[in-house]
């Protein structure tokens, strides 16, 4: 066994020595360039945008509103695992893609595609995409939220929506979306709260204090929600809300 291992090691060393001798005998030309290839720059930008995609979806789209309203709905129904959170997040994500598709298409046609073709540089692509993003953000942002951020900056107050930079428009938009989402969530939550109170009152009046009210109110809430075609009504309300 030891002799076989020695033979294999000797053959390997001989082969390595021969390969090194042949490689050293041939002229080697290695060119090192410190400048990135022009074809690699768009790829770097694309990968950078992909790493920022979750943050962009959360802060510049209607995804946050959808997820919060669905969370209020699940809390109002009182169901622990139905529907699963993954299903609600998936529904919110595809609804967001449905709503944001025209905006994304316009940004790609006016900024992304010209940049990939080399007609625009990074600054030109940003300048072309910024008005499109602002056109989506500003109509859905409250003036009070904009004023909040302008109060803590030295920038002059804008005369038109085109004068608002994205560094102010984006956080103001997020605040407006959170407020709208909580308003819609409260409207969704109140009917289920009323059913819970009625069930608890009826059980207390009957002296059935040992019976959990949620055990009685859950089927009633589900029945009311299904009979009212709640999913259709809720999704329709969300889509109409972001369309304005």
C-alpha atoms as a PDB file:
ATOM      1  CA  UNK A   1       0.000   0.000   0.000  1.00  0.00           C
ATOM      2  CA  UNK A   2       2.804   2.398   0.888  1.00  0.00           C
ATOM      3  CA  UNK A   3       4.707   1.598  -2.327  1.00  0.00           C
ATOM      4  CA  UNK A   4       1.599   2.224  -4.435  1.00  0.00           C
ATOM      5  CA  UNK A   5       1.017   5.583  -2.739  1.00  0.00           C
ATOM      6  CA  UNK A   6       4.666   6.508  -3.340  1.00  0.00           C
ATOM      7  CA  UNK A   7       4.392   5.594  -7.018  1.00  0.00           C
ATOM      8  CA  UNK A   8       1.230   7.727  -7.467  1.00  0.00           C
ATOM      9  CA  UNK A   9       2.845  10.679  -5.696  1.00  0.00           C
ATOM     10  CA  UNK A  10       5.958  10.393  -7.885  1.00  0.00           C
ATOM     11  CA  UNK A  11       3.951  10.312 -11.087  1.00  0.00           C
ATOM     12  CA  UNK A  12       1.930  13.350  -9.970  1.00  0.00           C
ATOM     13  CA  UNK A  13       5.023  15.359  -9.138  1.00  0.00           C
ATOM     14  CA  UNK A  14       6.627  14.440 -12.472  1.00  0.00           C
ATOM     15  CA  UNK A  15       3.534  15.514 -14.379  1.00  0.00           C
ATOM     16  CA  UNK A  16       3.364  18.788 -12.476  1.00  0.00           C
ATOM     17  CA  UNK A  17       7.049  19.464 -13.136  1.00  0.00           C
ATOM     18  CA  UNK A  18       6.649  18.769 -16.850  1.00  0.00           C
ATOM     19  CA  UNK A  19       3.595  21.045 -17.118  1.00  0.00           C
ATOM     20  CA  UNK A  20       5.409  23.844 -15.301  1.00  0.00           C
ATOM     21  CA  UNK A  21       8.423  23.535 -17.600  1.00  0.00           C
ATOM     22  CA  UNK A  22       6.273  23.687 -20.739  1.00  0.00           C
ATOM     23  CA  UNK A  23       4.299  26.699 -19.441  1.00  0.00           C
ATOM     24  CA  UNK A  24       7.486  28.578 -18.562  1.00  0.00           C
ATOM     25  CA  UNK A  25       9.025  27.872 -21.965  1.00  0.00           C
ATOM     26  CA  UNK A  26       6.120  29.482 -23.846  1.00  0.00           C
ATOM     27  CA  UNK A  27       5.923  33.309 -23.924  1.00  0.00           C
ATOM     28  CA  UNK A  28       3.113  34.540 -21.724  1.00  0.00           C
ATOM     29  CA  UNK A  29       1.367  37.836 -22.342  1.00  0.00           C
ATOM     30  CA  UNK A  30      -0.920  39.011 -19.605  1.00  0.00           C
ATOM     31  CA  UNK A  31      -2.700  42.316 -19.966  1.00  0.00           C
ATOM     32  CA  UNK A  32      -4.145  43.897 -16.864  1.00  0.00           C
ATOM     33  CA  UNK A  33      -6.677  46.663 -17.282  1.00  0.00           C
ATOM     34  CA  UNK A  34      -7.862  48.799 -14.442  1.00  0.00           C
ATOM     35  CA  UNK A  35     -10.753  50.223 -16.471  1.00  0.00           C
ATOM     36  CA  UNK A  36     -14.045  48.254 -16.577  1.00  0.00           C
ATOM     37  CA  UNK A  37     -15.255  47.014 -19.917  1.00  0.00           C
ATOM     38  CA  UNK A  38     -18.053  49.176 -21.362  1.00  0.00           C
ATOM     39  CA  UNK A  39     -20.220  46.102 -21.781  1.00  0.00           C
ATOM     40  CA  UNK A  40     -19.900  45.303 -18.077  1.00  0.00           C
ATOM     41  CA  UNK A  41     -21.153  48.655 -16.795  1.00  0.00           C
ATOM     42  CA  UNK A  42     -24.854  48.032 -17.620  1.00  0.00           C
ATOM     43  CA  UNK A  43     -24.613  44.628 -15.954  1.00  0.00           C
ATOM     44  CA  UNK A  44     -23.191  46.181 -12.807  1.00  0.00           C
ATOM     45  CA  UNK A  45     -25.991  48.754 -12.778  1.00  0.00           C
ATOM     46  CA  UNK A  46     -28.621  46.054 -13.311  1.00  0.00           C
ATOM     47  CA  UNK A  47     -27.279  43.908 -10.462  1.00  0.00           C
ATOM     48  CA  UNK A  48     -27.148  46.981  -8.242  1.00  0.00           C
ATOM     49  CA  UNK A  49     -30.789  47.781  -8.996  1.00  0.00           C
ATOM     50  CA  UNK A  50     -31.758  44.165  -8.343  1.00  0.00           C
ATOM     51  CA  UNK A  51     -30.187  44.356  -4.894  1.00  0.00           C
ATOM     52  CA  UNK A  52     -32.265  47.486  -4.220  1.00  0.00           C
ATOM     53  CA  UNK A  53     -35.451  46.020  -5.697  1.00  0.00           C
ATOM     54  CA  UNK A  54     -37.024  44.932  -2.364  1.00  0.00           C
ATOM     55  CA  UNK A  55     -36.497  48.404  -0.911  1.00  0.00           C
ATOM     56  CA  UNK A  56     -37.917  50.031  -4.048  1.00  0.00           C
ATOM     57  CA  UNK A  57     -40.991  47.788  -3.961  1.00  0.00           C
ATOM     58  CA  UNK A  58     -41.634  48.606  -0.309  1.00  0.00           C
ATOM     59  CA  UNK A  59     -41.107  52.362  -0.588  1.00  0.00           C
ATOM     60  CA  UNK A  60     -42.219  53.458  -4.052  1.00  0.00           C
ATOM     61  CA  UNK A  61     -45.135  51.162  -4.886  1.00  0.00           C
ATOM     62  CA  UNK A  62     -48.539  50.326  -3.431  1.00  0.00           C
ATOM     63  CA  UNK A  63     -47.283  47.028  -1.992  1.00  0.00           C
ATOM     64  CA  UNK A  64     -47.169  48.391   1.567  1.00  0.00           C
ATOM     65  CA  UNK A  65     -50.811  49.481   1.437  1.00  0.00           C
ATOM     66  CA  UNK A  66     -51.957  46.092   0.178  1.00  0.00           C
ATOM     67  CA  UNK A  67     -50.034  44.093   2.785  1.00  0.00           C
ATOM     68  CA  UNK A  68     -51.209  46.234   5.711  1.00  0.00           C
ATOM     69  CA  UNK A  69     -54.879  46.052   4.687  1.00  0.00           C
ATOM     70  CA  UNK A  70     -54.646  42.278   4.262  1.00  0.00           C
ATOM     71  CA  UNK A  71     -53.058  42.060   7.704  1.00  0.00           C
ATOM     72  CA  UNK A  72     -55.959  44.010   9.229  1.00  0.00           C
ATOM     73  CA  UNK A  73     -58.391  41.690   7.453  1.00  0.00           C
ATOM     74  CA  UNK A  74     -56.741  38.593   8.872  1.00  0.00           C
ATOM     75  CA  UNK A  75     -56.739  40.133  12.348  1.00  0.00           C
ATOM     76  CA  UNK A  76     -60.426  41.014  12.048  1.00  0.00           C
ATOM     77  CA  UNK A  77     -61.396  37.544  10.913  1.00  0.00           C
ATOM     78  CA  UNK A  78     -59.447  36.001  13.779  1.00  0.00           C
ATOM     79  CA  UNK A  79     -58.146  33.109  11.702  1.00  0.00           C
ATOM     80  CA  UNK A  80     -54.686  32.052  12.770  1.00  0.00           C
ATOM     81  CA  UNK A  81     -53.364  30.270   9.690  1.00  0.00           C
ATOM     82  CA  UNK A  82     -55.942  30.829   6.973  1.00  0.00           C
ATOM     83  CA  UNK A  83     -55.017  32.291   4.629  1.00  0.00           C
ATOM     84  CA  UNK A  84     -51.263  31.856   5.190  1.00  0.00           C
ATOM     85  CA  UNK A  85     -49.118  34.956   5.234  1.00  0.00           C
ATOM     86  CA  UNK A  86     -47.272  33.734   2.140  1.00  0.00           C
ATOM     87  CA  UNK A  87     -50.538  33.736   0.195  1.00  0.00           C
ATOM     88  CA  UNK A  88     -51.406  37.280   1.278  1.00  0.00           C
ATOM     89  CA  UNK A  89     -47.916  38.563   0.465  1.00  0.00           C
ATOM     90  CA  UNK A  90     -48.036  36.800  -2.902  1.00  0.00           C
ATOM     91  CA  UNK A  91     -51.435  38.314  -3.700  1.00  0.00           C
ATOM     92  CA  UNK A  92     -50.199  41.767  -2.690  1.00  0.00           C
ATOM     93  CA  UNK A  93     -47.083  41.318  -4.813  1.00  0.00           C
ATOM     94  CA  UNK A  94     -48.975  40.338  -7.954  1.00  0.00           C
ATOM     95  CA  UNK A  95     -51.514  43.114  -7.419  1.00  0.00           C
ATOM     96  CA  UNK A  96     -48.594  45.527  -7.140  1.00  0.00           C
ATOM     97  CA  UNK A  97     -47.119  44.185 -10.376  1.00  0.00           C
ATOM     98  CA  UNK A  98     -50.509  44.622 -12.049  1.00  0.00           C
ATOM     99  CA  UNK A  99     -50.826  48.241 -10.888  1.00  0.00           C
ATOM    100  CA  UNK A 100     -47.204  49.241 -11.499  1.00  0.00           C
ATOM    101  CA  UNK A 101     -46.831  47.574 -14.916  1.00  0.00           C
ATOM    102  CA  UNK A 102     -47.632  50.753 -16.943  1.00  0.00           C
ATOM    103  CA  UNK A 103     -45.195  52.811 -14.849  1.00  0.00           C
ATOM    104  CA  UNK A 104     -42.431  50.207 -15.138  1.00  0.00           C
ATOM    105  CA  UNK A 105     -42.993  49.883 -18.884  1.00  0.00           C
ATOM    106  CA  UNK A 106     -42.766  53.644 -19.403  1.00  0.00           C
ATOM    107  CA  UNK A 107     -39.589  53.866 -17.333  1.00  0.00           C
ATOM    108  CA  UNK A 108     -38.009  51.055 -19.321  1.00  0.00           C
ATOM    109  CA  UNK A 109     -38.932  52.593 -22.669  1.00  0.00           C
ATOM    110  CA  UNK A 110     -37.730  56.097 -21.793  1.00  0.00           C
ATOM    111  CA  UNK A 111     -34.784  55.340 -19.495  1.00  0.00           C
ATOM    112  CA  UNK A 112     -33.854  51.678 -19.248  1.00  0.00           C
ATOM    113  CA  UNK A 113     -33.785  50.677 -22.896  1.00  0.00           C
ATOM    114  CA  UNK A 114     -31.912  53.817 -24.112  1.00  0.00           C
ATOM    115  CA  UNK A 115     -29.349  53.247 -21.361  1.00  0.00           C
ATOM    116  CA  UNK A 116     -28.868  49.615 -22.375  1.00  0.00           C
ATOM    117  CA  UNK A 117     -28.451  50.709 -25.993  1.00  0.00           C
ATOM    118  CA  UNK A 118     -25.849  53.288 -25.007  1.00  0.00           C
ATOM    119  CA  UNK A 119     -27.949  56.289 -25.979  1.00  0.00           C
ATOM    120  CA  UNK A 120     -28.018  57.562 -22.374  1.00  0.00           C
ATOM    121  CA  UNK A 121     -25.487  57.531 -19.584  1.00  0.00           C
ATOM    122  CA  UNK A 122     -26.285  56.971 -15.912  1.00  0.00           C
ATOM    123  CA  UNK A 123     -27.184  60.612 -15.276  1.00  0.00           C
ATOM    124  CA  UNK A 124     -29.336  60.789 -18.403  1.00  0.00           C
ATOM    125  CA  UNK A 125     -31.190  57.599 -17.517  1.00  0.00           C
ATOM    126  CA  UNK A 126     -31.890  58.891 -14.005  1.00  0.00           C
ATOM    127  CA  UNK A 127     -33.082  62.224 -15.391  1.00  0.00           C
ATOM    128  CA  UNK A 128     -35.435  60.393 -17.766  1.00  0.00           C
ATOM    129  CA  UNK A 129     -36.825  58.085 -15.080  1.00  0.00           C
ATOM    130  CA  UNK A 130     -37.244  60.691 -12.329  1.00  0.00           C
ATOM    131  CA  UNK A 131     -40.291  62.515 -13.809  1.00  0.00           C
ATOM    132  CA  UNK A 132     -42.076  59.196 -14.335  1.00  0.00           C
ATOM    133  CA  UNK A 133     -41.527  58.167 -10.722  1.00  0.00           C
ATOM    134  CA  UNK A 134     -42.586  61.612  -9.500  1.00  0.00           C
ATOM    135  CA  UNK A 135     -45.741  61.430 -11.608  1.00  0.00           C
ATOM    136  CA  UNK A 136     -46.685  58.258  -9.740  1.00  0.00           C
ATOM    137  CA  UNK A 137     -45.720  59.453  -6.254  1.00  0.00           C
ATOM    138  CA  UNK A 138     -47.002  63.010  -6.063  1.00  0.00           C
ATOM    139  CA  UNK A 139     -50.760  62.528  -6.742  1.00  0.00           C
ATOM    140  CA  UNK A 140     -50.825  59.951  -3.921  1.00  0.00           C
ATOM    141  CA  UNK A 141     -48.894  62.058  -1.414  1.00  0.00           C
ATOM    142  CA  UNK A 142     -50.595  64.391   1.033  1.00  0.00           C
ATOM    143  CA  UNK A 143     -49.412  68.017   1.163  1.00  0.00           C
ATOM    144  CA  UNK A 144     -49.140  67.720   4.954  1.00  0.00           C
ATOM    145  CA  UNK A 145     -46.579  64.928   4.640  1.00  0.00           C
ATOM    146  CA  UNK A 146     -44.563  66.924   2.132  1.00  0.00           C
ATOM    147  CA  UNK A 147     -44.629  69.952   4.415  1.00  0.00           C
ATOM    148  CA  UNK A 148     -43.348  67.808   7.280  1.00  0.00           C
ATOM    149  CA  UNK A 149     -40.097  67.059   5.475  1.00  0.00           C
ATOM    150  CA  UNK A 150     -39.727  70.552   4.048  1.00  0.00           C
ATOM    151  CA  UNK A 151     -39.909  71.926   7.587  1.00  0.00           C
ATOM    152  CA  UNK A 152     -36.644  70.137   8.393  1.00  0.00           C
ATOM    153  CA  UNK A 153     -34.731  71.080   5.247  1.00  0.00           C
ATOM    154  CA  UNK A 154     -33.363  74.322   3.895  1.00  0.00           C
ATOM    155  CA  UNK A 155     -34.866  73.709   0.448  1.00  0.00           C
ATOM    156  CA  UNK A 156     -37.373  76.288  -0.787  1.00  0.00           C
ATOM    157  CA  UNK A 157     -40.995  75.272  -0.927  1.00  0.00           C
ATOM    158  CA  UNK A 158     -41.920  73.873  -4.365  1.00  0.00           C
ATOM    159  CA  UNK A 159     -44.241  75.797  -6.651  1.00  0.00           C
ATOM    160  CA  UNK A 160     -45.234  72.709  -8.646  1.00  0.00           C
ATOM    161  CA  UNK A 161     -44.982  68.951  -8.193  1.00  0.00           C
ATOM    162  CA  UNK A 162     -42.077  68.872 -10.647  1.00  0.00           C
ATOM    163  CA  UNK A 163     -39.966  70.859  -8.173  1.00  0.00           C
ATOM    164  CA  UNK A 164     -40.125  68.164  -5.478  1.00  0.00           C
ATOM    165  CA  UNK A 165     -36.968  65.981  -5.378  1.00  0.00           C
ATOM    166  CA  UNK A 166     -37.312  62.254  -4.902  1.00  0.00           C
ATOM    167  CA  UNK A 167     -35.438  62.351  -1.590  1.00  0.00           C
ATOM    168  CA  UNK A 168     -38.448  64.214  -0.194  1.00  0.00           C
ATOM    169  CA  UNK A 169     -41.195  62.728  -2.351  1.00  0.00           C
ATOM    170  CA  UNK A 170     -40.417  59.107  -1.418  1.00  0.00           C
ATOM    171  CA  UNK A 171     -40.595  59.365   2.417  1.00  0.00           C
ATOM    172  CA  UNK A 172     -43.638  61.639   2.170  1.00  0.00           C
ATOM    173  CA  UNK A 173     -45.287  59.068  -0.088  1.00  0.00           C
ATOM    174  CA  UNK A 174     -44.555  56.307   2.437  1.00  0.00           C
ATOM    175  CA  UNK A 175     -46.216  58.298   5.241  1.00  0.00           C
ATOM    176  CA  UNK A 176     -49.264  58.919   3.065  1.00  0.00           C
ATOM    177  CA  UNK A 177     -49.497  55.244   2.167  1.00  0.00           C
ATOM    178  CA  UNK A 178     -49.262  54.197   5.821  1.00  0.00           C
ATOM    179  CA  UNK A 179     -52.037  56.596   6.770  1.00  0.00           C
ATOM    180  CA  UNK A 180     -54.277  55.423   3.935  1.00  0.00           C
ATOM    181  CA  UNK A 181     -53.573  51.768   4.731  1.00  0.00           C
ATOM    182  CA  UNK A 182     -54.504  52.215   8.387  1.00  0.00           C
ATOM    183  CA  UNK A 183     -57.684  54.068   7.439  1.00  0.00           C
ATOM    184  CA  UNK A 184     -58.746  51.247   5.134  1.00  0.00           C
ATOM    185  CA  UNK A 185     -57.683  48.642   7.690  1.00  0.00           C
ATOM    186  CA  UNK A 186     -59.834  50.315  10.351  1.00  0.00           C
ATOM    187  CA  UNK A 187     -62.857  50.225   8.075  1.00  0.00           C
ATOM    188  CA  UNK A 188     -62.219  46.533   7.447  1.00  0.00           C
ATOM    189  CA  UNK A 189     -61.719  45.793  11.144  1.00  0.00           C
ATOM    190  CA  UNK A 190     -64.793  47.571  12.576  1.00  0.00           C
ATOM    191  CA  UNK A 191     -67.530  45.214  11.248  1.00  0.00           C
ATOM    192  CA  UNK A 192     -65.726  42.186  12.658  1.00  0.00           C
ATOM    193  CA  UNK A 193     -65.291  43.968  15.985  1.00  0.00           C
ATOM    194  CA  UNK A 194     -69.036  44.596  16.123  1.00  0.00           C
ATOM    195  CA  UNK A 195     -69.709  40.890  15.530  1.00  0.00           C
ATOM    196  CA  UNK A 196     -67.290  39.987  18.330  1.00  0.00           C
ATOM    197  CA  UNK A 197     -69.024  42.396  20.730  1.00  0.00           C
ATOM    198  CA  UNK A 198     -72.499  41.109  19.833  1.00  0.00           C
ATOM    199  CA  UNK A 199     -71.397  37.487  20.300  1.00  0.00           C
ATOM    200  CA  UNK A 200     -69.788  38.266  23.657  1.00  0.00           C
ATOM    201  CA  UNK A 201     -72.899  40.173  24.820  1.00  0.00           C
ATOM    202  CA  UNK A 202     -75.281  37.386  23.808  1.00  0.00           C
ATOM    203  CA  UNK A 203     -73.182  34.717  25.509  1.00  0.00           C
ATOM    204  CA  UNK A 204     -72.947  36.794  28.686  1.00  0.00           C
ATOM    205  CA  UNK A 205     -76.714  37.381  28.749  1.00  0.00           C
ATOM    206  CA  UNK A 206     -77.299  33.646  28.384  1.00  0.00           C
ATOM    207  CA  UNK A 207     -74.905  32.917  31.224  1.00  0.00           C
ATOM    208  CA  UNK A 208     -72.522  30.994  28.973  1.00  0.00           C
ATOM    209  CA  UNK A 209     -69.454  32.762  30.304  1.00  0.00           C
ATOM    210  CA  UNK A 210     -67.285  29.673  29.982  1.00  0.00           C
ATOM    211  CA  UNK A 211     -67.766  29.531  26.216  1.00  0.00           C
ATOM    212  CA  UNK A 212     -65.145  31.632  24.356  1.00  0.00           C
ATOM    213  CA  UNK A 213     -66.886  34.340  22.284  1.00  0.00           C
ATOM    214  CA  UNK A 214     -64.442  33.808  19.411  1.00  0.00           C
ATOM    215  CA  UNK A 215     -65.689  30.247  19.048  1.00  0.00           C
ATOM    216  CA  UNK A 216     -69.134  31.587  18.161  1.00  0.00           C
ATOM    217  CA  UNK A 217     -68.150  34.774  16.346  1.00  0.00           C
ATOM    218  CA  UNK A 218     -65.628  33.145  13.981  1.00  0.00           C
ATOM    219  CA  UNK A 219     -68.189  31.174  11.917  1.00  0.00           C
ATOM    220  CA  UNK A 220     -70.465  34.215  11.830  1.00  0.00           C
ATOM    221  CA  UNK A 221     -67.664  36.494  10.586  1.00  0.00           C
ATOM    222  CA  UNK A 222     -66.650  33.977   7.946  1.00  0.00           C
ATOM    223  CA  UNK A 223     -70.262  33.583   6.834  1.00  0.00           C
ATOM    224  CA  UNK A 224     -70.757  37.353   6.543  1.00  0.00           C
ATOM    225  CA  UNK A 225     -67.466  37.784   4.715  1.00  0.00           C
ATOM    226  CA  UNK A 226     -68.216  35.019   2.216  1.00  0.00           C
ATOM    227  CA  UNK A 227     -71.813  36.125   1.649  1.00  0.00           C
ATOM    228  CA  UNK A 228     -70.645  39.676   0.935  1.00  0.00           C
ATOM    229  CA  UNK A 229     -67.995  38.387  -1.497  1.00  0.00           C
ATOM    230  CA  UNK A 230     -65.437  40.074   0.700  1.00  0.00           C
ATOM    231  CA  UNK A 231     -62.301  39.251  -1.258  1.00  0.00           C
ATOM    232  CA  UNK A 232     -63.715  40.718  -4.439  1.00  0.00           C
ATOM    233  CA  UNK A 233     -64.933  43.851  -2.674  1.00  0.00           C
ATOM    234  CA  UNK A 234     -61.661  44.365  -0.818  1.00  0.00           C
ATOM    235  CA  UNK A 235     -59.440  43.893  -3.866  1.00  0.00           C
ATOM    236  CA  UNK A 236     -61.697  46.149  -5.935  1.00  0.00           C
ATOM    237  CA  UNK A 237     -61.476  48.855  -3.270  1.00  0.00           C
ATOM    238  CA  UNK A 238     -57.691  48.594  -3.132  1.00  0.00           C
ATOM    239  CA  UNK A 239     -57.309  48.810  -6.895  1.00  0.00           C
ATOM    240  CA  UNK A 240     -59.677  51.773  -7.112  1.00  0.00           C
ATOM    241  CA  UNK A 241     -57.798  53.483  -4.303  1.00  0.00           C
ATOM    242  CA  UNK A 242     -54.434  53.364  -6.065  1.00  0.00           C
ATOM    243  CA  UNK A 243     -55.914  54.228  -9.457  1.00  0.00           C
ATOM    244  CA  UNK A 244     -56.884  57.732  -8.332  1.00  0.00           C
END
